[in-house]
Amino acid sequence: MTAAEPLRPDLARELIDRATKAAARRAKRLRNQLDAVQLGQDRHADHADTKVLRRVLAEHDWPGHRLVGTEAARAAWSLALHADDDADLQRAATTLLERAVQDGDARVQHWAHLYDRTLVNSGRPQEFGTQQVFAPAGVELCPVRAPDSLDQRRASIGLSPIATGLEKVRLRCAQDHPVDDSSTVVLAAIA
């Protein structure tokens, strides 16, 4: 990974702008601050972001650190992570991101989050414990494969133990989310 100027600063700006706006929309949606019209506009914007990311992946493979810089690579990851309505895109992005990780052009933690998200979205247990949901009892971990070895898998890719990760998520969500809201929302927080 390099701190040099990205090869495509124009693409970097677009990815960062889209991810920043998408994060603001998700925050409002999570806090139930959108009316029906705004929710429709929100979904349309999400689909537009997914379409742009699909084009970027087709033209460039994964937009890694060398192509767009660290911040924009994170933005691309965030867009892929939240493209829950397009399972094919998420799976393709996971594969391309894994290759970028192997080439030293992306963060393995980003790949782990996206990989877990694709597993959870397909109804399978996650591998690294990065995905949680809001449930009536609070933040809960989505099902995990082989929970007894979860902390070892997390350590192998530089993630903190699951208890630490969950506590960070719970603290953050306690500040950001109403206590009495019993909706189920998949989270991809700082696990």
N, C-alpha and C. Protein backbone atom coordinates (compact mmCIF):
# COMPACT_ATOMS: atom_id res chain seq x y z
N MET A 1 0.84 -1.17 0.00
CA MET A 1 0.00 0.00 0.00
C MET A 1 0.89 1.24 0.00
N THR A 2 0.45 2.22 -0.74
CA THR A 2 1.29 3.38 -0.94
C THR A 2 0.56 4.67 -0.56
N ALA A 3 1.30 5.66 -0.15
CA ALA A 3 0.74 6.96 0.16
C ALA A 3 0.88 7.90 -1.02
N ALA A 4 1.36 7.39 -2.16
CA ALA A 4 1.56 8.21 -3.34
C ALA A 4 0.20 8.68 -3.88
N GLU A 5 0.26 9.67 -4.74
CA GLU A 5 -0.94 10.19 -5.39
C GLU A 5 -1.62 9.07 -6.17
N PRO A 6 -2.95 8.92 -6.01
CA PRO A 6 -3.65 7.86 -6.74
C PRO A 6 -3.59 8.09 -8.25
N LEU A 7 -3.66 7.01 -8.99
CA LEU A 7 -3.64 7.10 -10.44
C LEU A 7 -4.89 7.77 -10.99
N ARG A 8 -6.01 7.63 -10.29
CA ARG A 8 -7.29 8.19 -10.76
C ARG A 8 -7.93 9.07 -9.68
N PRO A 9 -7.41 10.28 -9.49
CA PRO A 9 -7.99 11.15 -8.47
C PRO A 9 -9.44 11.53 -8.76
N ASP A 10 -9.82 11.58 -10.04
CA ASP A 10 -11.21 11.88 -10.40
C ASP A 10 -12.15 10.78 -9.90
N LEU A 11 -11.75 9.54 -10.09
CA LEU A 11 -12.54 8.41 -9.62
C LEU A 11 -12.56 8.38 -8.09
N ALA A 12 -11.44 8.72 -7.49
CA ALA A 12 -11.36 8.78 -6.03
C ALA A 12 -12.37 9.78 -5.48
N ARG A 13 -12.44 10.97 -6.07
CA ARG A 13 -13.38 11.99 -5.62
C ARG A 13 -14.83 11.49 -5.74
N GLU A 14 -15.14 10.83 -6.86
CA GLU A 14 -16.50 10.33 -7.06
C GLU A 14 -16.86 9.28 -6.01
N LEU A 15 -15.97 8.33 -5.76
CA LEU A 15 -16.25 7.29 -4.77
C LEU A 15 -16.43 7.87 -3.37
N ILE A 16 -15.56 8.78 -3.00
CA ILE A 16 -15.65 9.41 -1.68
C ILE A 16 -16.95 10.19 -1.54
N ASP A 17 -17.30 10.94 -2.57
CA ASP A 17 -18.54 11.72 -2.53
C ASP A 17 -19.76 10.81 -2.39
N ARG A 18 -19.81 9.75 -3.18
CA ARG A 18 -20.95 8.83 -3.11
C ARG A 18 -21.03 8.12 -1.75
N ALA A 19 -19.90 7.66 -1.24
CA ALA A 19 -19.90 6.96 0.05
C ALA A 19 -20.27 7.89 1.19
N THR A 20 -19.82 9.13 1.14
CA THR A 20 -20.15 10.11 2.18
C THR A 20 -21.65 10.38 2.20
N LYS A 21 -22.23 10.60 1.03
CA LYS A 21 -23.66 10.85 0.94
C LYS A 21 -24.46 9.62 1.34
N ALA A 22 -23.99 8.44 0.96
CA ALA A 22 -24.69 7.19 1.32
C ALA A 22 -24.67 6.99 2.83
N ALA A 23 -23.55 7.29 3.47
CA ALA A 23 -23.46 7.15 4.93
C ALA A 23 -24.43 8.10 5.63
N ALA A 24 -24.56 9.31 5.12
CA ALA A 24 -25.50 10.27 5.72
C ALA A 24 -26.94 9.77 5.55
N ARG A 25 -27.24 9.21 4.38
CA ARG A 25 -28.59 8.66 4.16
C ARG A 25 -28.86 7.50 5.10
N ARG A 26 -27.88 6.60 5.26
CA ARG A 26 -28.06 5.45 6.17
C ARG A 26 -28.28 5.91 7.60
N ALA A 27 -27.56 6.93 8.02
CA ALA A 27 -27.72 7.44 9.39
C ALA A 27 -29.14 7.97 9.60
N LYS A 28 -29.66 8.70 8.63
CA LYS A 28 -31.03 9.21 8.75
C LYS A 28 -32.04 8.06 8.73
N ARG A 29 -31.78 7.08 7.88
CA ARG A 29 -32.68 5.93 7.79
C ARG A 29 -32.67 5.15 9.11
N LEU A 30 -31.51 4.98 9.68
CA LEU A 30 -31.37 4.24 10.94
C LEU A 30 -32.11 4.95 12.07
N ARG A 31 -32.13 6.27 12.01
CA ARG A 31 -32.81 7.05 13.06
C ARG A 31 -34.28 7.32 12.71
N ASN A 32 -34.77 6.69 11.65
CA ASN A 32 -36.17 6.88 11.21
C ASN A 32 -36.48 8.35 10.96
N GLN A 33 -35.57 9.05 10.29
CA GLN A 33 -35.74 10.48 10.04
C GLN A 33 -36.18 10.77 8.61
N LEU A 34 -36.67 9.77 7.88
CA LEU A 34 -37.07 9.97 6.50
C LEU A 34 -38.55 9.67 6.32
N ASP A 35 -39.22 10.51 5.55
CA ASP A 35 -40.61 10.20 5.21
C ASP A 35 -40.63 9.26 4.01
N ALA A 36 -41.82 8.87 3.56
CA ALA A 36 -41.94 7.88 2.48
C ALA A 36 -41.28 8.35 1.19
N VAL A 37 -41.43 9.62 0.85
CA VAL A 37 -40.82 10.15 -0.37
C VAL A 37 -39.30 10.10 -0.25
N GLN A 38 -38.79 10.52 0.89
CA GLN A 38 -37.34 10.50 1.11
C GLN A 38 -36.79 9.07 1.09
N LEU A 39 -37.56 8.13 1.63
CA LEU A 39 -37.13 6.73 1.58
C LEU A 39 -37.01 6.26 0.14
N GLY A 40 -37.96 6.63 -0.70
CA GLY A 40 -37.90 6.27 -2.11
C GLY A 40 -36.69 6.89 -2.81
N GLN A 41 -36.45 8.16 -2.51
CA GLN A 41 -35.28 8.84 -3.08
C GLN A 41 -33.99 8.19 -2.59
N ASP A 42 -34.00 7.79 -1.33
CA ASP A 42 -32.85 7.13 -0.72
C ASP A 42 -32.54 5.82 -1.45
N ARG A 43 -33.56 5.02 -1.67
CA ARG A 43 -33.37 3.74 -2.38
C ARG A 43 -32.88 3.98 -3.81
N HIS A 44 -33.41 5.01 -4.47
CA HIS A 44 -32.96 5.33 -5.82
C HIS A 44 -31.47 5.71 -5.82
N ALA A 45 -31.07 6.51 -4.84
CA ALA A 45 -29.66 6.90 -4.73
C ALA A 45 -28.78 5.68 -4.46
N ASP A 46 -29.25 4.77 -3.61
CA ASP A 46 -28.49 3.54 -3.33
C ASP A 46 -28.30 2.73 -4.60
N HIS A 47 -29.36 2.61 -5.40
CA HIS A 47 -29.26 1.86 -6.66
C HIS A 47 -28.29 2.54 -7.62
N ALA A 48 -28.32 3.87 -7.66
CA ALA A 48 -27.38 4.61 -8.52
C ALA A 48 -25.94 4.36 -8.07
N ASP A 49 -25.71 4.37 -6.75
CA ASP A 49 -24.37 4.09 -6.23
C ASP A 49 -23.91 2.69 -6.62
N THR A 50 -24.82 1.73 -6.53
CA THR A 50 -24.49 0.35 -6.89
C THR A 50 -24.15 0.25 -8.37
N LYS A 51 -24.91 0.96 -9.18
CA LYS A 51 -24.65 0.94 -10.64
C LYS A 51 -23.28 1.53 -10.95
N VAL A 52 -22.93 2.62 -10.29
CA VAL A 52 -21.62 3.23 -10.49
C VAL A 52 -20.52 2.27 -10.03
N LEU A 53 -20.70 1.64 -8.88
CA LEU A 53 -19.69 0.71 -8.39
C LEU A 53 -19.54 -0.47 -9.36
N ARG A 54 -20.65 -0.96 -9.89
CA ARG A 54 -20.59 -2.06 -10.87
C ARG A 54 -19.75 -1.64 -12.08
N ARG A 55 -19.94 -0.41 -12.55
CA ARG A 55 -19.16 0.10 -13.68
C ARG A 55 -17.68 0.19 -13.33
N VAL A 56 -17.38 0.70 -12.13
CA VAL A 56 -15.99 0.83 -11.68
C VAL A 56 -15.33 -0.55 -11.63
N LEU A 57 -16.02 -1.52 -11.08
CA LEU A 57 -15.46 -2.87 -10.98
C LEU A 57 -15.23 -3.47 -12.36
N ALA A 58 -16.14 -3.22 -13.29
CA ALA A 58 -16.00 -3.75 -14.65
C ALA A 58 -14.82 -3.11 -15.38
N GLU A 59 -14.60 -1.82 -15.14
CA GLU A 59 -13.53 -1.11 -15.84
C GLU A 59 -12.16 -1.25 -15.18
N HIS A 60 -12.13 -1.42 -13.84
CA HIS A 60 -10.85 -1.34 -13.13
C HIS A 60 -10.56 -2.51 -12.21
N ASP A 61 -11.42 -3.51 -12.13
CA ASP A 61 -11.36 -4.50 -11.07
C ASP A 61 -11.58 -3.75 -9.75
N TRP A 62 -10.94 -4.19 -8.65
CA TRP A 62 -11.17 -3.50 -7.40
C TRP A 62 -10.42 -2.17 -7.40
N PRO A 63 -11.08 -1.06 -7.03
CA PRO A 63 -10.40 0.23 -6.97
C PRO A 63 -9.56 0.32 -5.69
N GLY A 64 -8.36 -0.16 -5.77
CA GLY A 64 -7.49 -0.24 -4.61
C GLY A 64 -6.73 1.04 -4.34
N HIS A 65 -5.81 0.94 -3.37
CA HIS A 65 -5.04 2.09 -2.91
C HIS A 65 -4.24 2.75 -4.03
N ARG A 66 -3.65 1.96 -4.90
CA ARG A 66 -2.83 2.54 -5.97
C ARG A 66 -3.68 3.32 -6.96
N LEU A 67 -4.87 2.81 -7.28
CA LEU A 67 -5.72 3.45 -8.27
C LEU A 67 -6.40 4.70 -7.71
N VAL A 68 -6.97 4.60 -6.50
CA VAL A 68 -7.79 5.70 -5.99
C VAL A 68 -7.37 6.24 -4.63
N GLY A 69 -6.38 5.64 -3.99
CA GLY A 69 -5.95 6.11 -2.68
C GLY A 69 -6.70 5.39 -1.57
N THR A 70 -6.19 5.53 -0.36
CA THR A 70 -6.73 4.81 0.79
C THR A 70 -8.16 5.21 1.12
N GLU A 71 -8.44 6.50 1.15
CA GLU A 71 -9.79 6.96 1.52
C GLU A 71 -10.83 6.52 0.49
N ALA A 72 -10.51 6.61 -0.78
CA ALA A 72 -11.47 6.21 -1.82
C ALA A 72 -11.62 4.69 -1.88
N ALA A 73 -10.55 3.95 -1.58
CA ALA A 73 -10.67 2.49 -1.53
C ALA A 73 -11.62 2.11 -0.40
N ARG A 74 -11.53 2.81 0.71
CA ARG A 74 -12.47 2.58 1.82
C ARG A 74 -13.89 2.94 1.39
N ALA A 75 -14.04 4.01 0.63
CA ALA A 75 -15.36 4.43 0.14
C ALA A 75 -15.95 3.35 -0.77
N ALA A 76 -15.14 2.79 -1.65
CA ALA A 76 -15.62 1.72 -2.54
C ALA A 76 -16.06 0.52 -1.72
N TRP A 77 -15.27 0.18 -0.70
CA TRP A 77 -15.62 -0.92 0.19
C TRP A 77 -16.96 -0.66 0.87
N SER A 78 -17.16 0.55 1.36
CA SER A 78 -18.42 0.89 2.02
C SER A 78 -19.60 0.77 1.07
N LEU A 79 -19.43 1.23 -0.16
CA LEU A 79 -20.52 1.11 -1.14
C LEU A 79 -20.83 -0.36 -1.42
N ALA A 80 -19.81 -1.18 -1.56
CA ALA A 80 -20.03 -2.61 -1.81
C ALA A 80 -20.67 -3.27 -0.59
N LEU A 81 -20.21 -2.92 0.57
CA LEU A 81 -20.71 -3.50 1.81
C LEU A 81 -22.20 -3.25 1.98
N HIS A 82 -22.66 -2.09 1.57
CA HIS A 82 -24.06 -1.72 1.77
C HIS A 82 -24.92 -1.94 0.53
N ALA A 83 -24.41 -2.61 -0.47
CA ALA A 83 -25.19 -2.92 -1.68
C ALA A 83 -25.97 -4.22 -1.46
N ASP A 84 -26.71 -4.27 -0.36
CA ASP A 84 -27.41 -5.50 0.03
C ASP A 84 -28.48 -5.93 -0.96
N ASP A 85 -28.97 -5.02 -1.77
CA ASP A 85 -29.99 -5.38 -2.76
C ASP A 85 -29.40 -6.01 -4.02
N ASP A 86 -28.08 -6.13 -4.08
CA ASP A 86 -27.43 -6.70 -5.27
C ASP A 86 -26.40 -7.74 -4.83
N ALA A 87 -26.89 -8.94 -4.53
CA ALA A 87 -26.02 -10.02 -4.04
C ALA A 87 -24.93 -10.37 -5.05
N ASP A 88 -25.25 -10.32 -6.34
CA ASP A 88 -24.24 -10.63 -7.36
C ASP A 88 -23.09 -9.63 -7.31
N LEU A 89 -23.42 -8.36 -7.16
CA LEU A 89 -22.38 -7.33 -7.07
C LEU A 89 -21.52 -7.56 -5.82
N GLN A 90 -22.16 -7.84 -4.69
CA GLN A 90 -21.39 -8.06 -3.46
C GLN A 90 -20.45 -9.25 -3.60
N ARG A 91 -20.92 -10.33 -4.20
CA ARG A 91 -20.04 -11.51 -4.39
C ARG A 91 -18.88 -11.18 -5.32
N ALA A 92 -19.17 -10.49 -6.42
CA ALA A 92 -18.10 -10.11 -7.36
C ALA A 92 -17.11 -9.17 -6.68
N ALA A 93 -17.62 -8.21 -5.92
CA ALA A 93 -16.74 -7.28 -5.22
C ALA A 93 -15.87 -8.01 -4.21
N THR A 94 -16.44 -9.00 -3.54
CA THR A 94 -15.67 -9.79 -2.57
C THR A 94 -14.50 -10.48 -3.25
N THR A 95 -14.75 -11.07 -4.40
CA THR A 95 -13.69 -11.77 -5.15
C THR A 95 -12.61 -10.79 -5.59
N LEU A 96 -13.03 -9.66 -6.15
CA LEU A 96 -12.05 -8.67 -6.62
C LEU A 96 -11.28 -8.05 -5.47
N LEU A 97 -11.96 -7.80 -4.36
CA LEU A 97 -11.29 -7.25 -3.18
C LEU A 97 -10.28 -8.24 -2.62
N GLU A 98 -10.62 -9.53 -2.63
CA GLU A 98 -9.67 -10.54 -2.16
C GLU A 98 -8.41 -10.53 -3.01
N ARG A 99 -8.56 -10.41 -4.32
CA ARG A 99 -7.38 -10.33 -5.20
C ARG A 99 -6.55 -9.09 -4.89
N ALA A 100 -7.23 -7.96 -4.64
CA ALA A 100 -6.50 -6.74 -4.31
C ALA A 100 -5.73 -6.89 -3.00
N VAL A 101 -6.33 -7.57 -2.03
CA VAL A 101 -5.64 -7.85 -0.77
C VAL A 101 -4.39 -8.66 -1.04
N GLN A 102 -4.52 -9.70 -1.86
CA GLN A 102 -3.37 -10.56 -2.18
C GLN A 102 -2.27 -9.78 -2.89
N ASP A 103 -2.66 -8.73 -3.64
CA ASP A 103 -1.69 -7.89 -4.34
C ASP A 103 -1.16 -6.74 -3.48
N GLY A 104 -1.58 -6.71 -2.21
CA GLY A 104 -1.14 -5.63 -1.32
C GLY A 104 -1.78 -4.29 -1.63
N ASP A 105 -2.94 -4.30 -2.28
CA ASP A 105 -3.58 -3.07 -2.74
C ASP A 105 -4.89 -2.78 -2.00
N ALA A 106 -5.18 -3.53 -0.94
CA ALA A 106 -6.40 -3.33 -0.16
C ALA A 106 -6.21 -3.93 1.23
N ARG A 107 -7.08 -3.54 2.13
CA ARG A 107 -7.01 -4.02 3.52
C ARG A 107 -7.74 -5.35 3.67
N VAL A 108 -7.11 -6.29 4.33
CA VAL A 108 -7.72 -7.59 4.56
C VAL A 108 -8.96 -7.46 5.44
N GLN A 109 -8.97 -6.49 6.35
CA GLN A 109 -10.14 -6.30 7.21
C GLN A 109 -11.37 -5.89 6.39
N HIS A 110 -11.15 -5.09 5.35
CA HIS A 110 -12.27 -4.73 4.47
C HIS A 110 -12.81 -5.98 3.79
N TRP A 111 -11.91 -6.82 3.29
CA TRP A 111 -12.35 -8.06 2.66
C TRP A 111 -13.14 -8.91 3.65
N ALA A 112 -12.67 -9.04 4.89
CA ALA A 112 -13.35 -9.87 5.89
C ALA A 112 -14.77 -9.37 6.15
N HIS A 113 -14.93 -8.06 6.26
CA HIS A 113 -16.27 -7.49 6.47
C HIS A 113 -17.18 -7.80 5.29
N LEU A 114 -16.68 -7.59 4.08
CA LEU A 114 -17.50 -7.82 2.90
C LEU A 114 -17.80 -9.31 2.72
N TYR A 115 -16.83 -10.15 2.98
CA TYR A 115 -17.03 -11.60 2.90
C TYR A 115 -18.10 -12.04 3.90
N ASP A 116 -17.99 -11.57 5.14
CA ASP A 116 -19.01 -11.89 6.14
C ASP A 116 -20.38 -11.40 5.70
N ARG A 117 -20.43 -10.20 5.14
CA ARG A 117 -21.72 -9.64 4.72
C ARG A 117 -22.36 -10.52 3.65
N THR A 118 -21.57 -10.98 2.69
CA THR A 118 -22.13 -11.84 1.63
C THR A 118 -22.62 -13.16 2.22
N LEU A 119 -21.91 -13.69 3.19
CA LEU A 119 -22.36 -14.93 3.84
C LEU A 119 -23.67 -14.72 4.58
N VAL A 120 -23.74 -13.67 5.38
CA VAL A 120 -24.96 -13.38 6.15
C VAL A 120 -26.13 -13.14 5.20
N ASN A 121 -25.90 -12.37 4.14
CA ASN A 121 -26.98 -12.07 3.20
C ASN A 121 -27.46 -13.31 2.45
N SER A 122 -26.63 -14.34 2.39
CA SER A 122 -27.06 -15.58 1.72
C SER A 122 -27.56 -16.62 2.73
N GLY A 123 -27.71 -16.20 3.99
CA GLY A 123 -28.26 -17.08 5.01
C GLY A 123 -27.27 -18.06 5.61
N ARG A 124 -25.98 -17.82 5.40
CA ARG A 124 -24.96 -18.71 5.97
C ARG A 124 -24.25 -18.04 7.13
N PRO A 125 -23.63 -18.83 8.01
CA PRO A 125 -22.89 -18.24 9.14
C PRO A 125 -21.67 -17.48 8.64
N GLN A 126 -21.39 -16.38 9.29
CA GLN A 126 -20.22 -15.58 8.93
C GLN A 126 -18.94 -16.21 9.48
N GLU A 127 -17.83 -15.74 8.98
CA GLU A 127 -16.52 -16.30 9.32
C GLU A 127 -15.79 -15.50 10.40
N PHE A 128 -15.89 -14.17 10.35
CA PHE A 128 -15.05 -13.31 11.20
C PHE A 128 -15.83 -12.51 12.24
N GLY A 129 -17.13 -12.66 12.30
CA GLY A 129 -17.92 -11.97 13.33
C GLY A 129 -18.01 -10.48 13.16
N THR A 130 -18.02 -10.00 11.93
CA THR A 130 -18.08 -8.56 11.68
C THR A 130 -19.51 -8.04 11.51
N GLN A 131 -20.48 -8.93 11.42
CA GLN A 131 -21.86 -8.52 11.15
C GLN A 131 -22.74 -8.74 12.37
N GLN A 132 -23.46 -7.67 12.72
CA GLN A 132 -24.38 -7.71 13.85
C GLN A 132 -25.73 -7.19 13.39
N VAL A 133 -26.74 -7.39 14.25
CA VAL A 133 -28.08 -6.85 13.99
C VAL A 133 -28.58 -6.15 15.23
N PHE A 134 -29.46 -5.16 15.00
CA PHE A 134 -30.24 -4.61 16.10
C PHE A 134 -31.39 -5.56 16.32
N ALA A 135 -31.59 -5.96 17.53
CA ALA A 135 -32.70 -6.84 17.89
C ALA A 135 -33.34 -6.24 19.14
N PRO A 136 -34.50 -6.74 19.53
CA PRO A 136 -35.15 -6.18 20.73
C PRO A 136 -34.25 -6.17 21.97
N ALA A 137 -33.36 -7.14 22.08
CA ALA A 137 -32.46 -7.21 23.24
C ALA A 137 -31.21 -6.34 23.08
N GLY A 138 -31.06 -5.68 21.94
CA GLY A 138 -29.88 -4.86 21.69
C GLY A 138 -29.10 -5.39 20.50
N VAL A 139 -27.83 -5.04 20.42
CA VAL A 139 -26.97 -5.48 19.32
C VAL A 139 -26.61 -6.95 19.53
N GLU A 140 -26.85 -7.76 18.50
CA GLU A 140 -26.53 -9.19 18.58
C GLU A 140 -25.66 -9.58 17.38
N LEU A 141 -24.77 -10.50 17.61
CA LEU A 141 -23.91 -11.03 16.57
C LEU A 141 -24.71 -11.95 15.66
N CYS A 142 -24.57 -11.78 14.35
CA CYS A 142 -25.19 -12.72 13.41
C CYS A 142 -24.50 -14.07 13.59
N PRO A 143 -25.16 -15.17 13.20
CA PRO A 143 -24.55 -16.49 13.39
C PRO A 143 -23.13 -16.58 12.81
N VAL A 144 -22.28 -17.30 13.54
CA VAL A 144 -20.86 -17.44 13.19
C VAL A 144 -20.51 -18.91 13.06
N ARG A 145 -19.71 -19.25 12.05
CA ARG A 145 -19.19 -20.60 11.90
C ARG A 145 -18.13 -20.83 12.97
N ALA A 146 -18.15 -21.97 13.59
CA ALA A 146 -17.14 -22.38 14.58
C ALA A 146 -16.82 -21.26 15.57
N PRO A 147 -17.78 -20.87 16.40
CA PRO A 147 -17.57 -19.76 17.33
C PRO A 147 -16.38 -19.94 18.27
N ASP A 148 -16.02 -21.18 18.60
CA ASP A 148 -14.91 -21.41 19.52
C ASP A 148 -13.57 -20.93 18.97
N SER A 149 -13.44 -20.86 17.66
CA SER A 149 -12.18 -20.41 17.07
C SER A 149 -12.29 -19.03 16.43
N LEU A 150 -13.38 -18.32 16.73
CA LEU A 150 -13.61 -17.00 16.13
C LEU A 150 -12.49 -16.02 16.45
N ASP A 151 -12.09 -15.92 17.70
CA ASP A 151 -11.05 -14.96 18.05
C ASP A 151 -9.72 -15.25 17.35
N GLN A 152 -9.42 -16.52 17.11
CA GLN A 152 -8.18 -16.85 16.37
C GLN A 152 -8.29 -16.38 14.92
N ARG A 153 -9.45 -16.58 14.30
CA ARG A 153 -9.63 -16.13 12.91
C ARG A 153 -9.55 -14.60 12.85
N ARG A 154 -10.17 -13.94 13.82
CA ARG A 154 -10.13 -12.48 13.85
C ARG A 154 -8.69 -11.99 14.02
N ALA A 155 -7.95 -12.60 14.93
CA ALA A 155 -6.56 -12.19 15.16
C ALA A 155 -5.71 -12.39 13.91
N SER A 156 -6.01 -13.43 13.14
CA SER A 156 -5.20 -13.72 11.95
C SER A 156 -5.30 -12.63 10.88
N ILE A 157 -6.34 -11.80 10.97
CA ILE A 157 -6.49 -10.71 10.00
C ILE A 157 -6.43 -9.33 10.67
N GLY A 158 -6.00 -9.31 11.93
CA GLY A 158 -5.80 -8.04 12.61
C GLY A 158 -7.02 -7.42 13.24
N LEU A 159 -8.05 -8.22 13.50
CA LEU A 159 -9.23 -7.72 14.20
C LEU A 159 -9.11 -8.03 15.69
N SER A 160 -9.68 -7.17 16.51
CA SER A 160 -9.66 -7.39 17.96
C SER A 160 -10.55 -8.57 18.33
N PRO A 161 -10.43 -9.09 19.55
CA PRO A 161 -11.32 -10.18 19.99
C PRO A 161 -12.78 -9.75 19.87
N ILE A 162 -13.65 -10.72 19.67
CA ILE A 162 -15.06 -10.41 19.42
C ILE A 162 -15.69 -9.65 20.57
N ALA A 163 -15.35 -9.94 21.80
CA ALA A 163 -15.94 -9.22 22.93
C ALA A 163 -15.62 -7.73 22.86
N THR A 164 -14.39 -7.40 22.49
CA THR A 164 -13.98 -6.01 22.34
C THR A 164 -14.73 -5.35 21.19
N GLY A 165 -14.81 -6.05 20.06
CA GLY A 165 -15.51 -5.52 18.89
C GLY A 165 -16.97 -5.26 19.18
N LEU A 166 -17.63 -6.21 19.83
CA LEU A 166 -19.05 -6.04 20.15
C LEU A 166 -19.27 -4.89 21.12
N GLU A 167 -18.38 -4.74 22.09
CA GLU A 167 -18.53 -3.65 23.05
C GLU A 167 -18.42 -2.30 22.34
N LYS A 168 -17.49 -2.16 21.39
CA LYS A 168 -17.37 -0.91 20.63
C LYS A 168 -18.65 -0.62 19.87
N VAL A 169 -19.21 -1.65 19.24
CA VAL A 169 -20.45 -1.48 18.48
C VAL A 169 -21.58 -1.08 19.41
N ARG A 170 -21.69 -1.75 20.52
CA ARG A 170 -22.78 -1.44 21.47
C ARG A 170 -22.66 -0.02 22.01
N LEU A 171 -21.47 0.42 22.32
CA LEU A 171 -21.28 1.79 22.82
C LEU A 171 -21.66 2.80 21.74
N ARG A 172 -21.21 2.55 20.52
CA ARG A 172 -21.53 3.47 19.44
C ARG A 172 -23.03 3.49 19.16
N CYS A 173 -23.65 2.33 19.16
CA CYS A 173 -25.08 2.26 18.87
C CYS A 173 -25.92 2.84 20.00
N ALA A 174 -25.44 2.76 21.23
CA ALA A 174 -26.18 3.34 22.34
C ALA A 174 -26.30 4.85 22.16
N GLN A 175 -25.30 5.45 21.54
CA GLN A 175 -25.32 6.89 21.28
C GLN A 175 -26.16 7.22 20.05
N ASP A 176 -26.17 6.33 19.05
CA ASP A 176 -26.77 6.63 17.75
C ASP A 176 -28.17 6.09 17.55
N HIS A 177 -28.63 5.16 18.37
CA HIS A 177 -29.86 4.43 18.07
C HIS A 177 -30.81 4.46 19.25
N PRO A 178 -32.08 4.75 19.02
CA PRO A 178 -33.04 4.75 20.12
C PRO A 178 -33.12 3.38 20.79
N VAL A 179 -33.19 3.37 22.11
CA VAL A 179 -33.20 2.13 22.88
C VAL A 179 -34.45 1.31 22.60
N ASP A 180 -35.60 1.98 22.38
CA ASP A 180 -36.85 1.25 22.23
C ASP A 180 -37.13 0.79 20.81
N ASP A 181 -36.24 1.05 19.86
CA ASP A 181 -36.45 0.62 18.48
C ASP A 181 -36.12 -0.86 18.37
N SER A 182 -37.08 -1.66 17.92
CA SER A 182 -36.87 -3.11 17.85
C SER A 182 -36.70 -3.58 16.42
N SER A 183 -36.34 -2.67 15.51
CA SER A 183 -36.13 -3.09 14.12
C SER A 183 -34.88 -3.95 14.03
N THR A 184 -34.85 -4.75 12.98
CA THR A 184 -33.68 -5.58 12.73
C THR A 184 -32.92 -4.95 11.58
N VAL A 185 -31.73 -4.48 11.84
CA VAL A 185 -30.90 -3.84 10.85
C VAL A 185 -29.54 -4.50 10.89
N VAL A 186 -29.06 -4.98 9.75
CA VAL A 186 -27.73 -5.56 9.73
C VAL A 186 -26.72 -4.45 9.84
N LEU A 187 -25.78 -4.63 10.75
CA LEU A 187 -24.74 -3.64 10.99
C LEU A 187 -23.41 -4.16 10.48
N ALA A 188 -22.61 -3.27 10.03
CA ALA A 188 -21.23 -3.60 9.68
C ALA A 188 -20.36 -2.56 10.35
N ALA A 189 -20.43 -2.55 11.62
CA ALA A 189 -19.75 -1.51 12.38
C ALA A 189 -18.30 -1.90 12.65
N ILE A 190 -17.66 -1.15 13.47
CA ILE A 190 -16.25 -1.35 13.75
C ILE A 190 -16.07 -2.56 14.65
N ALA A 191 -16.27 -3.70 14.09
CA ALA A 191 -16.10 -4.95 14.85
C ALA A 191 -14.65 -5.28 14.80
